[in-house]
Structure formats: C-alpha cells, structure tokens
Amino acid sequence: MNKDGMPTMSSTILHPLSSSPEPLKIVLDTTFTSSDNIFLYHKTINRKIYDDARRRTHLDLIPGSTSKDDIFDVLLYNERNEITECSISNIAVEFFDNNKPFWKTPEIRCAGLLSGVMRSYLIEIGDVTPGEGRKIKCFNSVRKEYQVVLVDKTMPQIVRAPHI
C-alpha cells in the first residue's frame, strides 16, 4: 500500500534458472544475521536483511540473477553459526540414515528464518523435516526446488557452512 492506503503493485523480471544439471552456486554471507530480528519471521516487503546480505557478497539485488562469478544467491546464518536460509529461498540439507537419503530444513524456533510456503508444504508432505545435514537444496514457491553448492568466492574449492 502507498502512504494514502491505496494498494500498489510491482514486478521484477524472473530470470530463468540454468538448464545445466550442475548445482547453482551460493556463497556464505560475510556476517551473521541476528535471529531476534522480527522481519525474519514474517513475510513483508521489508527485504533489507536479504538485500544487505546480497550487497555484502556483491550480488545483484535482482533476486535470482547470477553475478559475474556465477554466484546465484547468498546463504545466511545466525549468531550461533546455524545456517538459516538464502536471500530468496529456504534451504534443506541432505542426511543419510542406513544409506537412505532424507532432507532436513532449519528449525524456525531457533534459527531465525521465514517459514516459506514451499518449505511448509515440503514439511507437510514429508519431503523435508526440521534439522541439520550436508548436501543443500533451495526452494521457494516460484522456482520450486533446485540444488545448490556452497562455494567460497575467493577460493575455487567447495566449503562447508558453519554447523551444517
């Protein structure tokens, strides 16, 4: 709504995801995001937390566009070094139990993240459960699910996020 209480609408071009079978690259934020920030728990137009994370990691502010380094998104973490979410998606991490893979997503009560429509749906149907893990996929209700790999922008090798 504008300042007069009238509804307003805006749009952004949604860049298509690569058709490559390779996971999209994400980078760890350069600083933690405080889990007590109320805007982490409610879907609003206030994207400052996410836009600031994209700026710190030199990513375009248009969500979903890739940088010159082919970095797609930034992975946020809280003051306890727990990964929480990316700037445009929720995340899940792969685990194995008796060689059977399953996916866990960070718990809202301790992490500081937006619940997300797709995240809630995947929990409801049993495709992901709240918890910790290793391999990462991202998802939102627009792009659905996609694999990502965490990279260090200054080094070519894959790195691990704190407390995955």
C-alpha atoms as a PDB file:
ATOM      1  CA  MET A   1       0.000   0.000   0.000  1.00  0.00           C
ATOM      2  CA  ASN A   2       1.105   3.515  -0.606  1.00  0.00           C
ATOM      3  CA  LYS A   3       1.070   6.207   2.085  1.00  0.00           C
ATOM      4  CA  ASP A   4      -2.577   7.004   1.247  1.00  0.00           C
ATOM      5  CA  GLY A   5      -3.636   3.398   1.888  1.00  0.00           C
ATOM      6  CA  MET A   6      -4.133   2.547  -1.778  1.00  0.00           C
ATOM      7  CA  PRO A   7      -2.919  -0.849  -2.987  1.00  0.00           C
ATOM      8  CA  THR A   8       0.174  -0.812  -5.172  1.00  0.00           C
ATOM      9  CA  MET A   9       1.826  -3.494  -7.245  1.00  0.00           C
ATOM     10  CA  SER A  10       5.331  -4.003  -8.566  1.00  0.00           C
ATOM     11  CA  SER A  11       7.082  -6.719 -10.521  1.00  0.00           C
ATOM     12  CA  THR A  12      10.572  -7.918 -11.301  1.00  0.00           C
ATOM     13  CA  ILE A  13      11.792  -9.941 -14.246  1.00  0.00           C
ATOM     14  CA  LEU A  14      12.358 -13.520 -13.135  1.00  0.00           C
ATOM     15  CA  HIS A  15      15.495 -14.798 -14.821  1.00  0.00           C
ATOM     16  CA  PRO A  16      15.224 -18.479 -15.805  1.00  0.00           C
ATOM     17  CA  LEU A  17      17.399 -20.963 -13.963  1.00  0.00           C
ATOM     18  CA  SER A  18      20.225 -22.555 -15.897  1.00  0.00           C
ATOM     19  CA  SER A  19      19.297 -25.743 -17.717  1.00  0.00           C
ATOM     20  CA  SER A  20      22.627 -27.229 -16.636  1.00  0.00           C
ATOM     21  CA  PRO A  21      22.437 -30.278 -14.355  1.00  0.00           C
ATOM     22  CA  GLU A  22      25.163 -28.678 -12.214  1.00  0.00           C
ATOM     23  CA  PRO A  23      24.014 -27.206  -8.894  1.00  0.00           C
ATOM     24  CA  LEU A  24      23.742 -23.429  -8.685  1.00  0.00           C
ATOM     25  CA  LYS A  25      26.483 -21.736  -6.666  1.00  0.00           C
ATOM     26  CA  ILE A  26      25.728 -19.942  -3.415  1.00  0.00           C
ATOM     27  CA  VAL A  27      28.100 -18.132  -1.093  1.00  0.00           C
ATOM     28  CA  LEU A  28      28.057 -17.770   2.685  1.00  0.00           C
ATOM     29  CA  ASP A  29      27.211 -14.293   3.958  1.00  0.00           C
ATOM     30  CA  THR A  30      30.168 -12.361   5.359  1.00  0.00           C
ATOM     31  CA  THR A  31      28.460 -11.692   8.692  1.00  0.00           C
ATOM     32  CA  PHE A  32      25.752 -13.314  10.781  1.00  0.00           C
ATOM     33  CA  THR A  33      22.126 -12.220  10.792  1.00  0.00           C
ATOM     34  CA  SER A  34      20.658 -11.772  14.261  1.00  0.00           C
ATOM     35  CA  SER A  35      17.927 -14.344  14.851  1.00  0.00           C
ATOM     36  CA  ASP A  36      15.921 -11.933  17.008  1.00  0.00           C
ATOM     37  CA  ASN A  37      15.085  -9.669  14.045  1.00  0.00           C
ATOM     38  CA  ILE A  38      11.282  -9.782  13.747  1.00  0.00           C
ATOM     39  CA  PHE A  39      11.424  -9.370   9.961  1.00  0.00           C
ATOM     40  CA  LEU A  40      12.961 -12.846   9.678  1.00  0.00           C
ATOM     41  CA  TYR A  41       9.739 -14.448  10.868  1.00  0.00           C
ATOM     42  CA  HIS A  42       7.119 -12.637   8.778  1.00  0.00           C
ATOM     43  CA  LYS A  43       6.709 -12.239   5.024  1.00  0.00           C
ATOM     44  CA  THR A  44       6.813  -8.490   4.375  1.00  0.00           C
ATOM     45  CA  ILE A  45       8.048  -6.113   1.721  1.00  0.00           C
ATOM     46  CA  ASN A  46      10.931  -5.242   4.061  1.00  0.00           C
ATOM     47  CA  ARG A  47      13.820  -7.034   2.323  1.00  0.00           C
ATOM     48  CA  LYS A  48      16.623  -5.043   3.981  1.00  0.00           C
ATOM     49  CA  ILE A  49      18.131  -8.114   5.695  1.00  0.00           C
ATOM     50  CA  TYR A  50      18.262 -10.017   2.413  1.00  0.00           C
ATOM     51  CA  ASP A  51      19.314  -7.069   0.245  1.00  0.00           C
ATOM     52  CA  ASP A  52      22.101  -6.208   2.705  1.00  0.00           C
ATOM     53  CA  ALA A  53      23.378  -9.798   2.531  1.00  0.00           C
ATOM     54  CA  ARG A  54      23.364  -9.624  -1.279  1.00  0.00           C
ATOM     55  CA  ARG A  55      25.243  -6.291  -1.173  1.00  0.00           C
ATOM     56  CA  ARG A  56      27.859  -7.647   1.256  1.00  0.00           C
ATOM     57  CA  THR A  57      28.573 -10.524  -1.116  1.00  0.00           C
ATOM     58  CA  HIS A  58      28.487  -8.314  -4.229  1.00  0.00           C
ATOM     59  CA  LEU A  59      25.402  -9.922  -5.738  1.00  0.00           C
ATOM     60  CA  ASP A  60      22.874  -8.142  -7.918  1.00  0.00           C
ATOM     61  CA  LEU A  61      19.841  -7.018  -5.924  1.00  0.00           C
ATOM     62  CA  ILE A  62      17.511  -8.540  -8.506  1.00  0.00           C
ATOM     63  CA  PRO A  63      16.781 -11.876  -6.825  1.00  0.00           C
ATOM     64  CA  GLY A  64      17.753 -14.875  -8.885  1.00  0.00           C
ATOM     65  CA  SER A  65      20.126 -13.177 -11.290  1.00  0.00           C
ATOM     66  CA  THR A  66      23.659 -14.518 -11.242  1.00  0.00           C
ATOM     67  CA  SER A  67      26.772 -12.490 -10.556  1.00  0.00           C
ATOM     68  CA  LYS A  68      29.827 -12.268 -12.781  1.00  0.00           C
ATOM     69  CA  ASP A  69      31.245 -15.147 -10.689  1.00  0.00           C
ATOM     70  CA  ASP A  70      28.131 -17.244 -11.416  1.00  0.00           C
ATOM     71  CA  ILE A  71      27.070 -16.942  -7.781  1.00  0.00           C
ATOM     72  CA  PHE A  72      23.295 -17.310  -7.640  1.00  0.00           C
ATOM     73  CA  ASP A  73      22.456 -16.488  -4.031  1.00  0.00           C
ATOM     74  CA  VAL A  74      23.789 -15.847  -0.528  1.00  0.00           C
ATOM     75  CA  LEU A  75      23.345 -18.248   2.395  1.00  0.00           C
ATOM     76  CA  LEU A  76      22.538 -16.560   5.698  1.00  0.00           C
ATOM     77  CA  TYR A  77      23.494 -17.820   9.145  1.00  0.00           C
ATOM     78  CA  ASN A  78      22.704 -16.658  12.664  1.00  0.00           C
ATOM     79  CA  GLU A  79      24.812 -15.650  15.669  1.00  0.00           C
ATOM     80  CA  ARG A  80      25.097 -19.334  16.688  1.00  0.00           C
ATOM     81  CA  ASN A  81      26.636 -20.194  13.283  1.00  0.00           C
ATOM     82  CA  GLU A  82      23.488 -22.078  12.231  1.00  0.00           C
ATOM     83  CA  ILE A  83      22.580 -21.773   8.568  1.00  0.00           C
ATOM     84  CA  THR A  84      19.102 -20.343   8.192  1.00  0.00           C
ATOM     85  CA  GLU A  85      18.034 -19.518   4.621  1.00  0.00           C
ATOM     86  CA  CYS A  86      19.147 -17.841   1.414  1.00  0.00           C
ATOM     87  CA  SER A  87      18.153 -14.352   0.329  1.00  0.00           C
ATOM     88  CA  ILE A  88      15.410 -15.660  -2.000  1.00  0.00           C
ATOM     89  CA  SER A  89      14.695 -19.171  -0.750  1.00  0.00           C
ATOM     90  CA  ASN A  90      14.504 -21.575   2.134  1.00  0.00           C
ATOM     91  CA  ILE A  91      17.014 -24.411   2.305  1.00  0.00           C
ATOM     92  CA  ALA A  92      17.211 -28.076   3.166  1.00  0.00           C
ATOM     93  CA  VAL A  93      20.280 -30.191   3.806  1.00  0.00           C
ATOM     94  CA  GLU A  94      20.675 -33.870   2.920  1.00  0.00           C
ATOM     95  CA  PHE A  95      21.269 -36.570   5.553  1.00  0.00           C
ATOM     96  CA  PHE A  96      21.543 -40.328   5.335  1.00  0.00           C
ATOM     97  CA  ASP A  97      20.055 -42.981   7.588  1.00  0.00           C
ATOM     98  CA  ASN A  98      21.142 -46.519   6.706  1.00  0.00           C
ATOM     99  CA  ASN A  99      22.183 -45.218   3.268  1.00  0.00           C
ATOM    100  CA  LYS A 100      18.709 -43.772   2.701  1.00  0.00           C
ATOM    101  CA  PRO A 101      18.778 -40.025   1.956  1.00  0.00           C
ATOM    102  CA  PHE A 102      16.396 -37.614   3.629  1.00  0.00           C
ATOM    103  CA  TRP A 103      16.275 -33.814   3.835  1.00  0.00           C
ATOM    104  CA  LYS A 104      16.200 -31.517   6.860  1.00  0.00           C
ATOM    105  CA  THR A 105      15.450 -27.806   6.967  1.00  0.00           C
ATOM    106  CA  PRO A 106      16.481 -25.436   9.790  1.00  0.00           C
ATOM    107  CA  GLU A 107      14.068 -25.202  12.695  1.00  0.00           C
ATOM    108  CA  ILE A 108      12.242 -21.887  12.856  1.00  0.00           C
ATOM    109  CA  ARG A 109      12.161 -21.717  16.657  1.00  0.00           C
ATOM    110  CA  CYS A 110      15.934 -21.431  16.949  1.00  0.00           C
ATOM    111  CA  ALA A 111      17.274 -20.352  13.578  1.00  0.00           C
ATOM    112  CA  GLY A 112      15.626 -17.066  12.641  1.00  0.00           C
ATOM    113  CA  LEU A 113      14.124 -17.595   9.204  1.00  0.00           C
ATOM    114  CA  LEU A 114      10.987 -17.106   7.181  1.00  0.00           C
ATOM    115  CA  SER A 115       8.809 -20.220   7.215  1.00  0.00           C
ATOM    116  CA  GLY A 116       8.067 -20.069   3.484  1.00  0.00           C
ATOM    117  CA  VAL A 117       5.122 -21.530   1.582  1.00  0.00           C
ATOM    118  CA  MET A 118       7.186 -24.179  -0.231  1.00  0.00           C
ATOM    119  CA  ARG A 119       9.100 -25.071   2.958  1.00  0.00           C
ATOM    120  CA  SER A 120       5.842 -25.581   4.856  1.00  0.00           C
ATOM    121  CA  TYR A 121       4.461 -27.697   2.011  1.00  0.00           C
ATOM    122  CA  LEU A 122       7.582 -29.906   1.821  1.00  0.00           C
ATOM    123  CA  ILE A 123       7.463 -30.437   5.600  1.00  0.00           C
ATOM    124  CA  GLU A 124       3.751 -31.250   5.416  1.00  0.00           C
ATOM    125  CA  ILE A 125       4.189 -33.916   2.723  1.00  0.00           C
ATOM    126  CA  GLY A 126       7.240 -35.367   4.475  1.00  0.00           C
ATOM    127  CA  ASP A 127       9.887 -34.483   1.876  1.00  0.00           C
ATOM    128  CA  VAL A 128      11.880 -32.468   4.436  1.00  0.00           C
ATOM    129  CA  THR A 129      11.986 -32.338   8.226  1.00  0.00           C
ATOM    130  CA  PRO A 130      13.433 -29.665  10.513  1.00  0.00           C
ATOM    131  CA  GLY A 131      17.063 -30.421  11.475  1.00  0.00           C
ATOM    132  CA  GLU A 132      20.682 -30.369  10.201  1.00  0.00           C
ATOM    133  CA  GLY A 133      22.573 -32.071   7.326  1.00  0.00           C
ATOM    134  CA  ARG A 134      25.166 -31.804   4.489  1.00  0.00           C
ATOM    135  CA  LYS A 135      24.055 -31.520   0.820  1.00  0.00           C
ATOM    136  CA  ILE A 136      21.995 -28.368   0.179  1.00  0.00           C
ATOM    137  CA  LYS A 137      18.948 -27.639  -1.939  1.00  0.00           C
ATOM    138  CA  CYS A 138      16.941 -24.440  -2.076  1.00  0.00           C
ATOM    139  CA  PHE A 139      13.274 -23.934  -2.779  1.00  0.00           C
ATOM    140  CA  ASN A 140      10.549 -21.348  -2.937  1.00  0.00           C
ATOM    141  CA  SER A 141       7.017 -21.354  -4.277  1.00  0.00           C
ATOM    142  CA  VAL A 142       8.031 -19.673  -7.549  1.00  0.00           C
ATOM    143  CA  ARG A 143      11.147 -21.604  -8.599  1.00  0.00           C
ATOM    144  CA  LYS A 144      10.273 -24.835  -6.734  1.00  0.00           C
ATOM    145  CA  GLU A 145      13.326 -26.969  -5.774  1.00  0.00           C
ATOM    146  CA  TYR A 146      16.887 -26.633  -7.080  1.00  0.00           C
ATOM    147  CA  GLN A 147      20.268 -27.999  -6.000  1.00  0.00           C
ATOM    148  CA  VAL A 148      22.975 -25.605  -4.829  1.00  0.00           C
ATOM    149  CA  VAL A 149      26.598 -25.890  -3.804  1.00  0.00           C
ATOM    150  CA  LEU A 150      28.243 -23.591  -1.275  1.00  0.00           C
ATOM    151  CA  VAL A 151      31.425 -22.009  -2.615  1.00  0.00           C
ATOM    152  CA  ASP A 152      33.943 -19.533  -1.287  1.00  0.00           C
ATOM    153  CA  LYS A 153      34.133 -16.634  -3.754  1.00  0.00           C
ATOM    154  CA  THR A 154      37.841 -16.163  -3.080  1.00  0.00           C
ATOM    155  CA  MET A 155      38.747 -19.837  -3.470  1.00  0.00           C
ATOM    156  CA  PRO A 156      37.539 -22.298  -6.115  1.00  0.00           C
ATOM    157  CA  GLN A 157      37.003 -25.263  -3.794  1.00  0.00           C
ATOM    158  CA  ILE A 158      33.705 -26.089  -2.140  1.00  0.00           C
ATOM    159  CA  VAL A 159      33.472 -25.107   1.523  1.00  0.00           C
ATOM    160  CA  ARG A 160      31.182 -26.126   4.368  1.00  0.00           C
ATOM    161  CA  ALA A 161      28.872 -23.733   6.137  1.00  0.00           C
ATOM    162  CA  PRO A 162      29.148 -23.458   9.919  1.00  0.00           C
ATOM    163  CA  HIS A 163      27.298 -26.241  11.741  1.00  0.00           C
ATOM    164  CA  ILE A 164      25.618 -27.841   8.751  1.00  0.00           C
END
